[in-house]
Amino acid sequence: MSQQYEIGRMLRGSTTEFVVGCKVSQLEAPEFGALVRAPLGKDLHVYGLISAISIEDDGLIKQLVTADSVNEAVIADNRLNRNVPIEMTVMVVGHRNERIHHLLPPRPPLSLDIIELCPPAELAEFTAAGRFGYFRHILRAENAPVSELLAAHLKAAHAAHGTDDWTQRAAQELITLLRDDYATLTAVLGALSDAVPEMAAG
């Protein structure tokens, strides 16, 4: 875990979900479905998937959007110099305490804790640990677009794993988990075939 890329700081949350605040300049790297971590000390890290990204408004923005025209310099100043409120919701999917666990952490991150984007090698390490136990956290989510989140996550994980058969095994596990929920299974497989065309061919 030598590579570090700070994407924001903890605003609020719990052991199942937390919200990260970030600046516009930090929004270029994290994407929907990306794996992030919150270091909670020397030996404990919380892992989560970005399940939503929202850009809040404020009084000035409401005034600007109703103007007939907005100067590019004003837009740049608003994005770069002002504290535009950008929030990312993160679904907790596991933690590391000596080794990776696909279990909820013993405690959530604290306010203002740094949140970091996981590099591809760490994404591959997290997803290869255990037997896809973290899928249950995603599938039970009520306020997230589950099929799209899984598609975005598996697309990134597929790239991180390279040529191994991880993606096919992940798809088979999802089919097993959703065998009694045909509607969700159809939506998930449809999204996956769009995100990772190789899966449809396989």
N, C-alpha and C. Protein backbone atom coordinates (compact mmCIF):
# COMPACT_ATOMS: atom_id res chain seq x y z
N MET A 1 0.83 -1.20 0.00
CA MET A 1 0.00 0.00 0.00
C MET A 1 0.86 1.25 0.00
N SER A 2 1.92 1.24 -0.81
CA SER A 2 2.83 2.37 -0.81
C SER A 2 2.25 3.57 -1.57
N GLN A 3 1.44 3.31 -2.60
CA GLN A 3 0.88 4.41 -3.39
C GLN A 3 -0.29 5.03 -2.64
N GLN A 4 -0.29 6.36 -2.53
CA GLN A 4 -1.36 7.06 -1.84
C GLN A 4 -1.89 8.18 -2.72
N TYR A 5 -3.21 8.30 -2.80
CA TYR A 5 -3.82 9.38 -3.55
C TYR A 5 -5.01 9.87 -2.75
N GLU A 6 -4.82 10.99 -2.08
CA GLU A 6 -5.90 11.52 -1.23
C GLU A 6 -6.99 12.12 -2.11
N ILE A 7 -8.24 11.72 -1.86
CA ILE A 7 -9.36 12.24 -2.64
C ILE A 7 -10.32 13.08 -1.79
N GLY A 8 -10.12 13.14 -0.51
CA GLY A 8 -11.00 13.94 0.33
C GLY A 8 -10.88 13.55 1.79
N ARG A 9 -11.81 14.10 2.58
CA ARG A 9 -11.82 13.81 4.01
C ARG A 9 -13.22 13.43 4.46
N MET A 10 -13.25 12.63 5.49
CA MET A 10 -14.50 12.12 6.04
C MET A 10 -15.38 13.25 6.57
N LEU A 11 -16.65 13.26 6.17
CA LEU A 11 -17.62 14.20 6.69
C LEU A 11 -18.47 13.57 7.79
N ARG A 12 -19.09 12.45 7.47
CA ARG A 12 -19.98 11.76 8.40
C ARG A 12 -20.14 10.33 7.94
N GLY A 13 -20.61 9.46 8.84
CA GLY A 13 -20.81 8.09 8.40
C GLY A 13 -21.04 7.12 9.53
N SER A 14 -21.02 5.84 9.15
CA SER A 14 -21.24 4.75 10.08
C SER A 14 -20.38 3.57 9.64
N THR A 15 -20.60 2.42 10.25
CA THR A 15 -19.83 1.24 9.86
C THR A 15 -20.26 0.66 8.52
N THR A 16 -21.39 1.12 7.97
CA THR A 16 -21.87 0.61 6.68
C THR A 16 -21.72 1.59 5.53
N GLU A 17 -21.60 2.89 5.85
CA GLU A 17 -21.55 3.90 4.79
C GLU A 17 -20.97 5.18 5.36
N PHE A 18 -20.22 5.91 4.53
CA PHE A 18 -19.75 7.21 4.97
C PHE A 18 -19.70 8.17 3.79
N VAL A 19 -19.67 9.45 4.12
CA VAL A 19 -19.68 10.50 3.11
C VAL A 19 -18.36 11.25 3.16
N VAL A 20 -17.77 11.48 1.99
CA VAL A 20 -16.48 12.14 1.86
C VAL A 20 -16.68 13.50 1.20
N GLY A 21 -16.05 14.51 1.73
CA GLY A 21 -16.06 15.83 1.10
C GLY A 21 -14.77 16.04 0.35
N CYS A 22 -14.85 16.65 -0.83
CA CYS A 22 -13.62 16.87 -1.60
C CYS A 22 -13.72 18.16 -2.39
N LYS A 23 -12.58 18.61 -2.90
CA LYS A 23 -12.49 19.79 -3.75
C LYS A 23 -12.63 19.38 -5.21
N VAL A 24 -12.94 20.37 -6.06
CA VAL A 24 -13.07 20.09 -7.48
C VAL A 24 -11.80 19.47 -8.04
N SER A 25 -10.65 19.96 -7.61
CA SER A 25 -9.37 19.45 -8.11
C SER A 25 -9.15 17.99 -7.74
N GLN A 26 -9.80 17.51 -6.67
CA GLN A 26 -9.66 16.12 -6.25
C GLN A 26 -10.66 15.22 -6.94
N LEU A 27 -11.62 15.79 -7.68
CA LEU A 27 -12.69 15.01 -8.28
C LEU A 27 -12.26 14.35 -9.58
N GLU A 28 -11.06 14.66 -10.09
CA GLU A 28 -10.63 14.13 -11.37
C GLU A 28 -10.30 12.64 -11.30
N ALA A 29 -9.81 12.15 -10.16
CA ALA A 29 -9.38 10.76 -10.07
C ALA A 29 -10.48 9.79 -9.65
N PRO A 30 -11.21 10.04 -8.58
CA PRO A 30 -12.20 9.05 -8.15
C PRO A 30 -13.38 8.96 -9.10
N GLU A 31 -13.86 7.75 -9.34
CA GLU A 31 -14.99 7.53 -10.20
C GLU A 31 -16.03 6.68 -9.49
N PHE A 32 -17.25 6.72 -9.98
CA PHE A 32 -18.31 5.88 -9.46
C PHE A 32 -17.87 4.42 -9.53
N GLY A 33 -18.00 3.70 -8.41
CA GLY A 33 -17.60 2.30 -8.36
C GLY A 33 -16.16 2.05 -7.95
N ALA A 34 -15.37 3.12 -7.77
CA ALA A 34 -13.96 2.96 -7.41
C ALA A 34 -13.81 2.48 -5.98
N LEU A 35 -12.75 1.72 -5.72
CA LEU A 35 -12.45 1.26 -4.37
C LEU A 35 -11.58 2.30 -3.67
N VAL A 36 -11.98 2.68 -2.47
CA VAL A 36 -11.22 3.64 -1.67
C VAL A 36 -10.94 3.05 -0.30
N ARG A 37 -10.01 3.69 0.41
CA ARG A 37 -9.68 3.21 1.76
C ARG A 37 -9.56 4.40 2.70
N ALA A 38 -9.84 4.12 3.95
CA ALA A 38 -9.68 5.11 5.00
C ALA A 38 -8.72 4.53 6.03
N PRO A 39 -7.48 5.02 6.08
CA PRO A 39 -6.54 4.53 7.09
C PRO A 39 -6.97 4.98 8.49
N LEU A 40 -7.17 4.02 9.37
CA LEU A 40 -7.63 4.33 10.73
C LEU A 40 -6.54 4.06 11.76
N GLY A 41 -5.32 4.21 11.37
CA GLY A 41 -4.22 3.90 12.27
C GLY A 41 -3.21 3.01 11.57
N LYS A 42 -2.24 2.55 12.29
CA LYS A 42 -1.14 1.79 11.71
C LYS A 42 -1.61 0.48 11.07
N ASP A 43 -2.52 -0.23 11.71
CA ASP A 43 -2.86 -1.57 11.27
C ASP A 43 -4.30 -1.75 10.78
N LEU A 44 -5.08 -0.68 10.73
CA LEU A 44 -6.49 -0.82 10.37
C LEU A 44 -6.85 0.12 9.23
N HIS A 45 -7.45 -0.44 8.18
CA HIS A 45 -7.95 0.33 7.05
C HIS A 45 -9.37 -0.12 6.75
N VAL A 46 -10.23 0.83 6.42
CA VAL A 46 -11.60 0.53 6.00
C VAL A 46 -11.67 0.68 4.49
N TYR A 47 -12.32 -0.28 3.82
CA TYR A 47 -12.48 -0.23 2.37
C TYR A 47 -13.93 0.03 2.00
N GLY A 48 -14.13 0.79 0.93
CA GLY A 48 -15.48 1.05 0.46
C GLY A 48 -15.50 1.34 -1.03
N LEU A 49 -16.69 1.25 -1.62
CA LEU A 49 -16.90 1.57 -3.03
C LEU A 49 -17.67 2.88 -3.13
N ILE A 50 -17.24 3.76 -4.02
CA ILE A 50 -17.95 5.01 -4.23
C ILE A 50 -19.28 4.69 -4.92
N SER A 51 -20.38 4.91 -4.20
CA SER A 51 -21.70 4.53 -4.72
C SER A 51 -22.50 5.74 -5.21
N ALA A 52 -22.00 6.94 -4.98
CA ALA A 52 -22.67 8.14 -5.48
C ALA A 52 -21.72 9.32 -5.39
N ILE A 53 -21.81 10.22 -6.34
CA ILE A 53 -21.05 11.48 -6.33
C ILE A 53 -22.05 12.60 -6.58
N SER A 54 -22.09 13.56 -5.69
CA SER A 54 -23.06 14.65 -5.84
C SER A 54 -22.36 16.00 -5.68
N ILE A 55 -22.84 16.96 -6.44
CA ILE A 55 -22.33 18.33 -6.36
C ILE A 55 -23.47 19.19 -5.85
N GLU A 56 -23.33 19.68 -4.65
CA GLU A 56 -24.38 20.46 -4.02
C GLU A 56 -24.36 21.90 -4.57
N ASP A 57 -25.46 22.61 -4.35
CA ASP A 57 -25.50 24.00 -4.77
C ASP A 57 -25.41 24.93 -3.57
N ASP A 58 -25.24 26.20 -3.84
CA ASP A 58 -25.28 27.21 -2.79
C ASP A 58 -25.92 28.48 -3.38
N GLY A 59 -26.00 29.53 -2.60
CA GLY A 59 -26.68 30.73 -3.05
C GLY A 59 -26.10 31.33 -4.30
N LEU A 60 -24.75 31.41 -4.39
CA LEU A 60 -24.13 32.03 -5.56
C LEU A 60 -24.38 31.21 -6.82
N ILE A 61 -24.26 29.90 -6.70
CA ILE A 61 -24.47 29.04 -7.87
C ILE A 61 -25.89 29.19 -8.39
N LYS A 62 -26.86 29.26 -7.48
CA LYS A 62 -28.25 29.42 -7.90
C LYS A 62 -28.43 30.73 -8.66
N GLN A 63 -27.70 31.77 -8.26
CA GLN A 63 -27.79 33.04 -8.98
C GLN A 63 -27.13 32.93 -10.35
N LEU A 64 -25.97 32.26 -10.41
CA LEU A 64 -25.23 32.18 -11.67
C LEU A 64 -25.98 31.38 -12.73
N VAL A 65 -26.65 30.29 -12.33
CA VAL A 65 -27.30 29.45 -13.33
C VAL A 65 -28.51 30.14 -13.96
N THR A 66 -29.02 31.18 -13.32
CA THR A 66 -30.16 31.90 -13.89
C THR A 66 -29.73 33.13 -14.70
N ALA A 67 -28.42 33.41 -14.74
CA ALA A 67 -27.92 34.54 -15.51
C ALA A 67 -27.98 34.25 -17.00
N ASP A 68 -28.09 35.28 -17.81
CA ASP A 68 -28.14 35.10 -19.26
C ASP A 68 -26.85 34.51 -19.80
N SER A 69 -25.73 34.95 -19.25
CA SER A 69 -24.43 34.39 -19.64
C SER A 69 -23.49 34.46 -18.45
N VAL A 70 -22.59 33.50 -18.40
CA VAL A 70 -21.63 33.44 -17.30
C VAL A 70 -20.23 33.42 -17.89
N ASN A 71 -19.41 34.38 -17.48
CA ASN A 71 -18.05 34.47 -17.96
C ASN A 71 -17.24 33.24 -17.54
N GLU A 72 -16.38 32.77 -18.45
CA GLU A 72 -15.56 31.59 -18.15
C GLU A 72 -14.67 31.82 -16.93
N ALA A 73 -14.21 33.05 -16.74
CA ALA A 73 -13.37 33.37 -15.58
C ALA A 73 -14.16 33.20 -14.29
N VAL A 74 -15.44 33.55 -14.32
CA VAL A 74 -16.29 33.38 -13.13
C VAL A 74 -16.49 31.90 -12.83
N ILE A 75 -16.69 31.10 -13.87
CA ILE A 75 -16.85 29.66 -13.68
C ILE A 75 -15.58 29.06 -13.09
N ALA A 76 -14.43 29.44 -13.65
CA ALA A 76 -13.16 28.91 -13.15
C ALA A 76 -12.92 29.33 -11.71
N ASP A 77 -13.24 30.58 -11.39
CA ASP A 77 -13.06 31.05 -10.02
C ASP A 77 -13.97 30.29 -9.07
N ASN A 78 -15.21 30.04 -9.51
CA ASN A 78 -16.16 29.33 -8.66
C ASN A 78 -15.70 27.91 -8.39
N ARG A 79 -15.09 27.27 -9.39
CA ARG A 79 -14.68 25.87 -9.24
C ARG A 79 -13.36 25.71 -8.51
N LEU A 80 -12.45 26.64 -8.73
CA LEU A 80 -11.10 26.46 -8.21
C LEU A 80 -10.83 27.21 -6.91
N ASN A 81 -11.43 28.37 -6.74
CA ASN A 81 -11.10 29.21 -5.59
C ASN A 81 -12.14 29.16 -4.47
N ARG A 82 -13.37 28.82 -4.82
CA ARG A 82 -14.40 28.73 -3.79
C ARG A 82 -14.56 27.28 -3.34
N ASN A 83 -15.13 27.09 -2.18
CA ASN A 83 -15.34 25.75 -1.65
C ASN A 83 -16.65 25.18 -2.18
N VAL A 84 -16.64 24.74 -3.44
CA VAL A 84 -17.83 24.13 -4.01
C VAL A 84 -18.09 22.81 -3.28
N PRO A 85 -19.28 22.63 -2.72
CA PRO A 85 -19.54 21.43 -1.94
C PRO A 85 -19.73 20.19 -2.80
N ILE A 86 -18.73 19.31 -2.81
CA ILE A 86 -18.79 18.05 -3.55
C ILE A 86 -18.73 16.91 -2.54
N GLU A 87 -19.65 15.97 -2.66
CA GLU A 87 -19.71 14.87 -1.71
C GLU A 87 -19.73 13.53 -2.44
N MET A 88 -19.04 12.56 -1.87
CA MET A 88 -19.05 11.20 -2.38
C MET A 88 -19.56 10.27 -1.29
N THR A 89 -20.55 9.46 -1.63
CA THR A 89 -21.05 8.45 -0.70
C THR A 89 -20.27 7.17 -0.93
N VAL A 90 -19.78 6.58 0.15
CA VAL A 90 -18.96 5.37 0.06
C VAL A 90 -19.64 4.24 0.81
N MET A 91 -19.86 3.13 0.12
CA MET A 91 -20.44 1.93 0.73
C MET A 91 -19.31 1.06 1.30
N VAL A 92 -19.33 0.80 2.58
CA VAL A 92 -18.27 0.01 3.21
C VAL A 92 -18.40 -1.45 2.78
N VAL A 93 -17.28 -2.04 2.33
CA VAL A 93 -17.30 -3.43 1.86
C VAL A 93 -16.26 -4.31 2.54
N GLY A 94 -15.49 -3.77 3.48
CA GLY A 94 -14.51 -4.60 4.16
C GLY A 94 -13.49 -3.78 4.92
N HIS A 95 -12.51 -4.46 5.47
CA HIS A 95 -11.44 -3.78 6.18
C HIS A 95 -10.20 -4.65 6.20
N ARG A 96 -9.09 -4.02 6.54
CA ARG A 96 -7.82 -4.74 6.67
C ARG A 96 -7.31 -4.55 8.09
N ASN A 97 -7.05 -5.64 8.75
CA ASN A 97 -6.45 -5.64 10.08
C ASN A 97 -5.51 -6.83 10.11
N GLU A 98 -4.27 -6.61 9.71
CA GLU A 98 -3.27 -7.64 9.44
C GLU A 98 -3.53 -8.33 8.11
N ARG A 99 -4.79 -8.68 7.83
CA ARG A 99 -5.15 -9.22 6.53
C ARG A 99 -6.50 -8.65 6.12
N ILE A 100 -6.89 -8.87 4.87
CA ILE A 100 -8.13 -8.32 4.35
C ILE A 100 -9.32 -9.17 4.78
N HIS A 101 -10.36 -8.51 5.24
CA HIS A 101 -11.61 -9.17 5.62
C HIS A 101 -12.74 -8.52 4.83
N HIS A 102 -13.65 -9.32 4.29
CA HIS A 102 -14.83 -8.79 3.63
C HIS A 102 -15.97 -8.66 4.63
N LEU A 103 -15.64 -8.12 5.78
CA LEU A 103 -16.57 -7.90 6.88
C LEU A 103 -16.62 -6.41 7.20
N LEU A 104 -17.68 -5.99 7.88
CA LEU A 104 -17.74 -4.60 8.30
C LEU A 104 -16.65 -4.31 9.32
N PRO A 105 -16.12 -3.12 9.34
CA PRO A 105 -15.01 -2.78 10.24
C PRO A 105 -15.48 -2.63 11.69
N PRO A 106 -14.55 -2.69 12.64
CA PRO A 106 -14.93 -2.51 14.04
C PRO A 106 -15.41 -1.10 14.36
N ARG A 107 -15.01 -0.13 13.55
CA ARG A 107 -15.49 1.25 13.74
C ARG A 107 -15.37 1.99 12.42
N PRO A 108 -16.15 3.05 12.23
CA PRO A 108 -16.05 3.82 11.00
C PRO A 108 -14.90 4.81 11.07
N PRO A 109 -14.55 5.43 9.94
CA PRO A 109 -13.59 6.53 9.99
C PRO A 109 -14.15 7.66 10.84
N LEU A 110 -13.26 8.51 11.32
CA LEU A 110 -13.68 9.66 12.11
C LEU A 110 -13.73 10.90 11.24
N SER A 111 -14.42 11.91 11.70
CA SER A 111 -14.51 13.16 10.95
C SER A 111 -13.12 13.68 10.59
N LEU A 112 -12.97 14.09 9.34
CA LEU A 112 -11.73 14.65 8.79
C LEU A 112 -10.64 13.62 8.55
N ASP A 113 -10.91 12.33 8.78
CA ASP A 113 -9.95 11.31 8.38
C ASP A 113 -9.74 11.38 6.87
N ILE A 114 -8.51 11.15 6.42
CA ILE A 114 -8.19 11.19 5.00
C ILE A 114 -8.73 9.94 4.31
N ILE A 115 -9.31 10.13 3.13
CA ILE A 115 -9.80 9.02 2.31
C ILE A 115 -8.91 8.95 1.07
N GLU A 116 -8.43 7.75 0.76
CA GLU A 116 -7.50 7.56 -0.35
C GLU A 116 -8.07 6.63 -1.41
N LEU A 117 -7.72 6.89 -2.66
CA LEU A 117 -8.10 6.02 -3.76
C LEU A 117 -7.14 4.84 -3.81
N CYS A 118 -7.68 3.62 -3.95
CA CYS A 118 -6.83 2.43 -4.00
C CYS A 118 -6.26 2.26 -5.41
N PRO A 119 -4.97 2.00 -5.54
CA PRO A 119 -4.38 1.75 -6.86
C PRO A 119 -4.82 0.39 -7.38
N PRO A 120 -4.64 0.12 -8.67
CA PRO A 120 -5.10 -1.16 -9.25
C PRO A 120 -4.56 -2.39 -8.52
N ALA A 121 -3.31 -2.37 -8.08
CA ALA A 121 -2.75 -3.54 -7.40
C ALA A 121 -3.50 -3.84 -6.11
N GLU A 122 -3.88 -2.80 -5.39
CA GLU A 122 -4.61 -3.01 -4.14
C GLU A 122 -6.06 -3.44 -4.42
N LEU A 123 -6.64 -2.91 -5.50
CA LEU A 123 -7.97 -3.36 -5.91
C LEU A 123 -7.95 -4.85 -6.21
N ALA A 124 -6.94 -5.30 -6.94
CA ALA A 124 -6.82 -6.73 -7.25
C ALA A 124 -6.62 -7.55 -5.98
N GLU A 125 -5.83 -7.03 -5.06
CA GLU A 125 -5.59 -7.75 -3.80
C GLU A 125 -6.87 -7.87 -2.98
N PHE A 126 -7.63 -6.77 -2.88
CA PHE A 126 -8.86 -6.80 -2.09
C PHE A 126 -9.88 -7.76 -2.69
N THR A 127 -10.08 -7.69 -4.01
CA THR A 127 -11.10 -8.50 -4.63
C THR A 127 -10.74 -9.98 -4.69
N ALA A 128 -9.43 -10.30 -4.65
CA ALA A 128 -8.99 -11.69 -4.69
C ALA A 128 -9.03 -12.35 -3.32
N ALA A 129 -9.15 -11.57 -2.26
CA ALA A 129 -9.17 -12.13 -0.91
C ALA A 129 -10.52 -12.81 -0.66
N GLY A 130 -10.48 -14.01 -0.08
CA GLY A 130 -11.73 -14.68 0.27
C GLY A 130 -12.50 -15.15 -0.95
N ARG A 131 -13.82 -15.29 -0.77
CA ARG A 131 -14.68 -15.84 -1.82
C ARG A 131 -15.81 -14.86 -2.15
N PHE A 132 -15.45 -13.66 -2.55
CA PHE A 132 -16.42 -12.64 -2.95
C PHE A 132 -17.41 -12.29 -1.83
N GLY A 133 -16.95 -12.37 -0.59
CA GLY A 133 -17.84 -12.09 0.53
C GLY A 133 -18.38 -10.67 0.53
N TYR A 134 -17.64 -9.75 -0.06
CA TYR A 134 -18.09 -8.35 -0.05
C TYR A 134 -19.28 -8.11 -0.97
N PHE A 135 -19.60 -9.06 -1.85
CA PHE A 135 -20.76 -8.90 -2.73
C PHE A 135 -22.04 -8.72 -1.92
N ARG A 136 -22.12 -9.37 -0.76
CA ARG A 136 -23.36 -9.29 0.01
C ARG A 136 -23.64 -7.87 0.49
N HIS A 137 -22.57 -7.09 0.74
CA HIS A 137 -22.77 -5.70 1.16
C HIS A 137 -23.39 -4.90 0.01
N ILE A 138 -22.96 -5.18 -1.22
CA ILE A 138 -23.48 -4.46 -2.38
C ILE A 138 -24.91 -4.87 -2.68
N LEU A 139 -25.18 -6.16 -2.66
CA LEU A 139 -26.49 -6.66 -3.06
C LEU A 139 -27.59 -6.29 -2.09
N ARG A 140 -27.25 -6.04 -0.85
CA ARG A 140 -28.29 -5.68 0.12
C ARG A 140 -28.53 -4.17 0.19
N ALA A 141 -27.80 -3.40 -0.60
CA ALA A 141 -27.94 -1.94 -0.57
C ALA A 141 -29.32 -1.53 -1.07
N GLU A 142 -29.95 -0.61 -0.36
CA GLU A 142 -31.29 -0.15 -0.70
C GLU A 142 -31.29 1.20 -1.41
N ASN A 143 -30.25 1.98 -1.19
CA ASN A 143 -30.23 3.34 -1.74
C ASN A 143 -29.12 3.53 -2.77
N ALA A 144 -28.74 2.46 -3.44
CA ALA A 144 -27.69 2.55 -4.45
C ALA A 144 -28.13 1.80 -5.70
N PRO A 145 -27.70 2.24 -6.89
CA PRO A 145 -28.02 1.53 -8.14
C PRO A 145 -27.13 0.28 -8.24
N VAL A 146 -27.62 -0.81 -7.68
CA VAL A 146 -26.79 -2.01 -7.48
C VAL A 146 -26.19 -2.52 -8.78
N SER A 147 -26.99 -2.67 -9.82
CA SER A 147 -26.47 -3.25 -11.06
C SER A 147 -25.40 -2.36 -11.68
N GLU A 148 -25.62 -1.04 -11.68
CA GLU A 148 -24.63 -0.12 -12.24
C GLU A 148 -23.36 -0.07 -11.39
N LEU A 149 -23.54 -0.14 -10.07
CA LEU A 149 -22.39 -0.13 -9.17
C LEU A 149 -21.54 -1.38 -9.38
N LEU A 150 -22.17 -2.52 -9.47
CA LEU A 150 -21.44 -3.76 -9.72
C LEU A 150 -20.72 -3.72 -11.07
N ALA A 151 -21.39 -3.18 -12.07
CA ALA A 151 -20.78 -3.10 -13.40
C ALA A 151 -19.54 -2.22 -13.38
N ALA A 152 -19.65 -1.05 -12.75
CA ALA A 152 -18.50 -0.14 -12.68
C ALA A 152 -17.36 -0.76 -11.89
N HIS A 153 -17.71 -1.42 -10.79
CA HIS A 153 -16.68 -2.05 -9.95
C HIS A 153 -16.00 -3.19 -10.69
N LEU A 154 -16.78 -4.07 -11.31
CA LEU A 154 -16.19 -5.21 -11.99
C LEU A 154 -15.38 -4.81 -13.21
N LYS A 155 -15.77 -3.72 -13.85
CA LYS A 155 -14.97 -3.22 -14.98
C LYS A 155 -13.57 -2.83 -14.50
N ALA A 156 -13.51 -2.09 -13.38
CA ALA A 156 -12.21 -1.68 -12.83
C ALA A 156 -11.43 -2.89 -12.32
N ALA A 157 -12.12 -3.82 -11.66
CA ALA A 157 -11.44 -5.00 -11.13
C ALA A 157 -10.93 -5.89 -12.27
N HIS A 158 -11.71 -5.98 -13.33
CA HIS A 158 -11.30 -6.77 -14.50
C HIS A 158 -9.99 -6.23 -15.06
N ALA A 159 -9.89 -4.91 -15.17
CA ALA A 159 -8.65 -4.30 -15.66
C ALA A 159 -7.50 -4.52 -14.69
N ALA A 160 -7.80 -4.47 -13.40
CA ALA A 160 -6.75 -4.65 -12.39
C ALA A 160 -6.21 -6.08 -12.38
N HIS A 161 -7.08 -7.05 -12.64
CA HIS A 161 -6.67 -8.46 -12.62
C HIS A 161 -5.99 -8.90 -13.90
N GLY A 162 -6.19 -8.15 -14.97
CA GLY A 162 -5.51 -8.50 -16.21
C GLY A 162 -6.10 -9.74 -16.86
N THR A 163 -5.26 -10.74 -17.11
CA THR A 163 -5.68 -11.89 -17.91
C THR A 163 -6.19 -13.06 -17.10
N ASP A 164 -6.25 -12.98 -15.79
CA ASP A 164 -6.72 -14.14 -15.02
C ASP A 164 -8.24 -14.27 -15.14
N ASP A 165 -8.80 -15.31 -14.53
CA ASP A 165 -10.22 -15.62 -14.71
C ASP A 165 -11.09 -15.04 -13.60
N TRP A 166 -10.59 -14.02 -12.90
CA TRP A 166 -11.34 -13.47 -11.76
C TRP A 166 -12.72 -12.99 -12.18
N THR A 167 -12.83 -12.29 -13.31
CA THR A 167 -14.11 -11.71 -13.71
C THR A 167 -15.15 -12.79 -13.98
N GLN A 168 -14.75 -13.87 -14.63
CA GLN A 168 -15.68 -14.96 -14.88
C GLN A 168 -16.14 -15.61 -13.58
N ARG A 169 -15.22 -15.78 -12.64
CA ARG A 169 -15.60 -16.36 -11.35
C ARG A 169 -16.53 -15.42 -10.59
N ALA A 170 -16.29 -14.12 -10.72
CA ALA A 170 -17.16 -13.15 -10.06
C ALA A 170 -18.56 -13.21 -10.64
N ALA A 171 -18.67 -13.32 -11.96
CA ALA A 171 -19.98 -13.40 -12.60
C ALA A 171 -20.72 -14.66 -12.17
N GLN A 172 -20.00 -15.78 -12.09
CA GLN A 172 -20.63 -17.03 -11.65
C GLN A 172 -21.12 -16.92 -10.21
N GLU A 173 -20.36 -16.23 -9.36
CA GLU A 173 -20.78 -16.04 -7.98
C GLU A 173 -22.05 -15.19 -7.91
N LEU A 174 -22.12 -14.15 -8.72
CA LEU A 174 -23.31 -13.30 -8.75
C LEU A 174 -24.53 -14.09 -9.24
N ILE A 175 -24.34 -14.95 -10.23
CA ILE A 175 -25.44 -15.79 -10.71
C ILE A 175 -25.94 -16.70 -9.59
N THR A 176 -25.03 -17.25 -8.82
CA THR A 176 -25.41 -18.11 -7.70
C THR A 176 -26.16 -17.33 -6.63
N LEU A 177 -25.65 -16.14 -6.29
CA LEU A 177 -26.27 -15.34 -5.23
C LEU A 177 -27.64 -14.84 -5.62
N LEU A 178 -27.84 -14.59 -6.92
CA LEU A 178 -29.10 -14.00 -7.39
C LEU A 178 -30.01 -15.00 -8.09
N ARG A 179 -29.77 -16.28 -7.89
CA ARG A 179 -30.54 -17.29 -8.62
C ARG A 179 -32.04 -17.23 -8.30
N ASP A 180 -32.40 -16.70 -7.13
CA ASP A 180 -33.82 -16.59 -6.76
C ASP A 180 -34.38 -15.19 -6.99
N ASP A 181 -33.58 -14.32 -7.60
CA ASP A 181 -34.03 -12.94 -7.87
C ASP A 181 -33.75 -12.65 -9.34
N TYR A 182 -34.63 -13.14 -10.20
CA TYR A 182 -34.38 -13.08 -11.63
C TYR A 182 -34.30 -11.64 -12.14
N ALA A 183 -35.15 -10.77 -11.62
CA ALA A 183 -35.16 -9.39 -12.09
C ALA A 183 -33.83 -8.70 -11.83
N THR A 184 -33.31 -8.85 -10.61
CA THR A 184 -32.03 -8.24 -10.27
C THR A 184 -30.90 -8.88 -11.06
N LEU A 185 -30.94 -10.21 -11.20
CA LEU A 185 -29.91 -10.93 -11.95
C LEU A 185 -29.86 -10.44 -13.40
N THR A 186 -31.02 -10.27 -14.02
CA THR A 186 -31.07 -9.80 -15.40
C THR A 186 -30.48 -8.40 -15.53
N ALA A 187 -30.82 -7.52 -14.58
CA ALA A 187 -30.28 -6.15 -14.60
C ALA A 187 -28.78 -6.15 -14.40
N VAL A 188 -28.29 -6.96 -13.47
CA VAL A 188 -26.86 -7.03 -13.18
C VAL A 188 -26.09 -7.56 -14.39
N LEU A 189 -26.55 -8.66 -14.98
CA LEU A 189 -25.84 -9.24 -16.13
C LEU A 189 -25.90 -8.32 -17.34
N GLY A 190 -27.01 -7.60 -17.49
CA GLY A 190 -27.09 -6.64 -18.59
C GLY A 190 -26.09 -5.52 -18.44
N ALA A 191 -25.97 -4.99 -17.22
CA ALA A 191 -25.00 -3.92 -16.96
C ALA A 191 -23.58 -4.44 -17.13
N LEU A 192 -23.33 -5.66 -16.68
CA LEU A 192 -21.98 -6.23 -16.78
C LEU A 192 -21.58 -6.45 -18.23
N SER A 193 -22.53 -6.89 -19.06
CA SER A 193 -22.20 -7.12 -20.46
C SER A 193 -21.87 -5.82 -21.18
N ASP A 194 -22.48 -4.72 -20.73
CA ASP A 194 -22.14 -3.41 -21.30
C ASP A 194 -20.77 -2.94 -20.84
N ALA A 195 -20.47 -3.17 -19.55
CA ALA A 195 -19.22 -2.68 -18.97
C ALA A 195 -18.03 -3.53 -19.37
N VAL A 196 -18.22 -4.85 -19.41
CA VAL A 196 -17.14 -5.79 -19.74
C VAL A 196 -17.61 -6.70 -20.86
N PRO A 197 -17.51 -6.25 -22.12
CA PRO A 197 -18.04 -7.04 -23.25
C PRO A 197 -17.47 -8.47 -23.32
N GLU A 198 -16.26 -8.66 -22.83
CA GLU A 198 -15.66 -9.99 -22.86
C GLU A 198 -16.49 -11.01 -22.10
N MET A 199 -17.22 -10.53 -21.08
CA MET A 199 -18.03 -11.44 -20.29
C MET A 199 -19.19 -12.00 -21.12
N ALA A 200 -19.79 -11.14 -21.93
CA ALA A 200 -20.90 -11.59 -22.77
C ALA A 200 -20.39 -12.62 -23.78
N ALA A 201 -19.18 -12.39 -24.31
CA ALA A 201 -18.60 -13.32 -25.28
C ALA A 201 -18.25 -14.64 -24.62
N GLY A 202 -17.89 -14.55 -23.29
CA GLY A 202 -17.50 -15.77 -22.59
C GLY A 202 -18.69 -16.56 -22.15
